[in-house]
Amino acid sequence: MTIEDTVTKLAEAQLGHESRLTRVEDAFQEVAIAIKQLTRIADAADLARHETDERLDVLINTQVRYETRQERLEEAFRQVAASHCQLVEMLQLFTKIGSTARMRRTFIRKAGSTLS
């Protein structure tokens, strides 16, 4: 092997090395591009998750307000029902008292006409 052969082999090896180095650099650039794309995708996913969380918060708050309103309505209906029961009892008592008073008047009239 001569010096020229050795230099030729070294030159070819260096060219092969440069070719591999270029491919490695290209691969690194592709990896960098992929990382940027993944970062954009992750940011978009975070934004979408944040928007979804906000919508869920609105729905949850609406549901809580609905349930609170429902409880107040149920309490109001209970109060109306209790008032209705009291009115019925008062009406029954009033009817009973009126009936008793009529009976007394009738009894007194009959007793008065019997005495006359």
Protein backbone atom coordinates (compact mmCIF):
# COMPACT_ATOMS: atom_id res chain seq x y z
CA MET A 1 0.00 0.00 0.00
CA THR A 2 1.37 3.30 -1.03
CA ILE A 3 0.94 6.67 0.54
CA GLU A 4 -1.41 7.63 -2.25
CA ASP A 5 -3.59 4.61 -1.52
CA THR A 6 -3.61 5.48 2.15
CA VAL A 7 -4.50 9.11 1.43
CA THR A 8 -7.26 7.95 -0.92
CA LYS A 9 -8.67 5.61 1.70
CA LEU A 10 -8.49 8.35 4.33
CA ALA A 11 -10.24 10.76 1.95
CA GLU A 12 -12.97 8.22 1.25
CA ALA A 13 -13.34 7.50 4.95
CA GLN A 14 -13.56 11.21 5.66
CA LEU A 15 -16.19 11.62 2.94
CA GLY A 16 -18.14 8.70 4.42
CA HIS A 17 -17.77 10.28 7.85
CA GLU A 18 -19.01 13.64 6.54
CA SER A 19 -21.92 11.91 4.86
CA ARG A 20 -22.85 10.20 8.13
CA LEU A 21 -22.36 13.47 10.02
CA THR A 22 -24.72 15.20 7.55
CA ARG A 23 -27.33 12.47 8.06
CA VAL A 24 -26.97 12.81 11.84
CA GLU A 25 -27.36 16.59 11.58
CA ASP A 26 -30.42 16.12 9.36
CA ALA A 27 -31.84 13.68 11.88
CA PHE A 28 -31.24 16.20 14.70
CA GLN A 29 -33.04 18.86 12.66
CA GLU A 30 -35.97 16.51 12.10
CA VAL A 31 -36.05 15.75 15.83
CA ALA A 32 -36.02 19.50 16.59
CA ILE A 33 -38.91 20.05 14.16
CA ALA A 34 -40.81 17.14 15.71
CA ILE A 35 -40.25 18.59 19.19
CA LYS A 36 -41.60 21.97 18.05
CA GLN A 37 -44.64 20.29 16.52
CA LEU A 38 -45.27 18.25 19.65
CA THR A 39 -44.92 21.40 21.77
CA ARG A 40 -47.54 23.15 19.60
CA ILE A 41 -49.83 20.14 19.87
CA ALA A 42 -49.38 20.01 23.65
CA ASP A 43 -50.07 23.76 23.93
CA ALA A 44 -53.22 23.37 21.83
CA ALA A 45 -54.32 20.43 23.97
CA ASP A 46 -53.71 22.47 27.14
CA LEU A 47 -55.75 25.34 25.73
CA ALA A 48 -58.58 22.98 24.74
CA ARG A 49 -58.50 21.34 28.19
CA HIS A 50 -58.58 24.77 29.84
CA GLU A 51 -61.58 25.81 27.72
CA THR A 52 -63.31 22.52 28.53
CA ASP A 53 -62.64 23.04 32.24
CA GLU A 54 -64.18 26.50 32.01
CA ARG A 55 -67.27 25.10 30.29
CA LEU A 56 -67.56 22.37 32.92
CA ASP A 57 -67.25 24.99 35.68
CA VAL A 58 -70.10 26.94 34.10
CA LEU A 59 -72.24 23.79 33.89
CA ILE A 60 -71.47 22.83 37.48
CA ASN A 61 -72.29 26.33 38.74
CA THR A 62 -75.52 26.30 36.76
CA GLN A 63 -76.45 22.93 38.25
CA VAL A 64 -75.71 24.17 41.79
CA ARG A 65 -77.87 27.27 41.23
CA TYR A 66 -80.64 25.06 39.80
CA GLU A 67 -80.54 22.74 42.81
CA THR A 68 -80.59 25.72 45.20
CA ARG A 69 -83.58 27.18 43.36
CA GLN A 70 -85.27 23.76 43.44
CA GLU A 71 -84.77 23.50 47.21
CA ARG A 72 -86.25 26.97 47.72
CA LEU A 73 -89.27 26.05 45.58
CA GLU A 74 -89.78 22.83 47.52
CA GLU A 75 -89.64 24.76 50.79
CA ALA A 76 -92.14 27.29 49.44
CA PHE A 77 -94.49 24.47 48.39
CA ARG A 78 -94.19 22.93 51.86
CA GLN A 79 -95.14 26.29 53.38
CA VAL A 80 -98.10 26.64 51.00
CA ALA A 81 -99.25 23.12 51.88
CA ALA A 82 -98.95 23.86 55.60
CA SER A 83 -100.90 27.10 55.16
CA HIS A 84 -103.57 25.24 53.20
CA CYS A 85 -103.89 22.67 55.99
CA GLN A 86 -104.25 25.44 58.57
CA LEU A 87 -106.92 27.16 56.46
CA VAL A 88 -108.84 23.89 56.12
CA GLU A 89 -108.67 23.34 59.89
CA MET A 90 -109.79 26.90 60.55
CA LEU A 91 -112.66 26.51 58.07
CA GLN A 92 -113.72 23.24 59.68
CA LEU A 93 -113.59 24.87 63.12
CA PHE A 94 -115.54 27.88 61.86
CA THR A 95 -118.15 25.60 60.27
CA LYS A 96 -118.40 23.58 63.46
CA ILE A 97 -118.81 26.72 65.59
CA GLY A 98 -121.42 28.14 63.19
CA SER A 99 -123.28 24.84 63.20
CA THR A 100 -123.29 24.76 66.99
CA ALA A 101 -124.58 28.34 67.17
CA ARG A 102 -127.40 27.55 64.74
CA MET A 103 -128.33 24.51 66.78
CA ARG A 104 -128.51 26.67 69.91
CA ARG A 105 -130.67 29.28 68.22
CA THR A 106 -132.96 26.57 66.91
CA PHE A 107 -133.11 24.96 70.33
CA ILE A 108 -133.83 28.29 72.01
CA ARG A 109 -136.60 29.09 69.50
CA LYS A 110 -138.19 25.73 69.93
CA ALA A 111 -137.90 25.97 73.68
CA GLY A 112 -139.37 29.49 73.59
CA SER A 113 -142.32 28.42 71.42
CA THR A 114 -142.98 25.48 73.70
CA LEU A 115 -143.15 27.77 76.72
CA SER A 116 -145.53 30.20 75.10
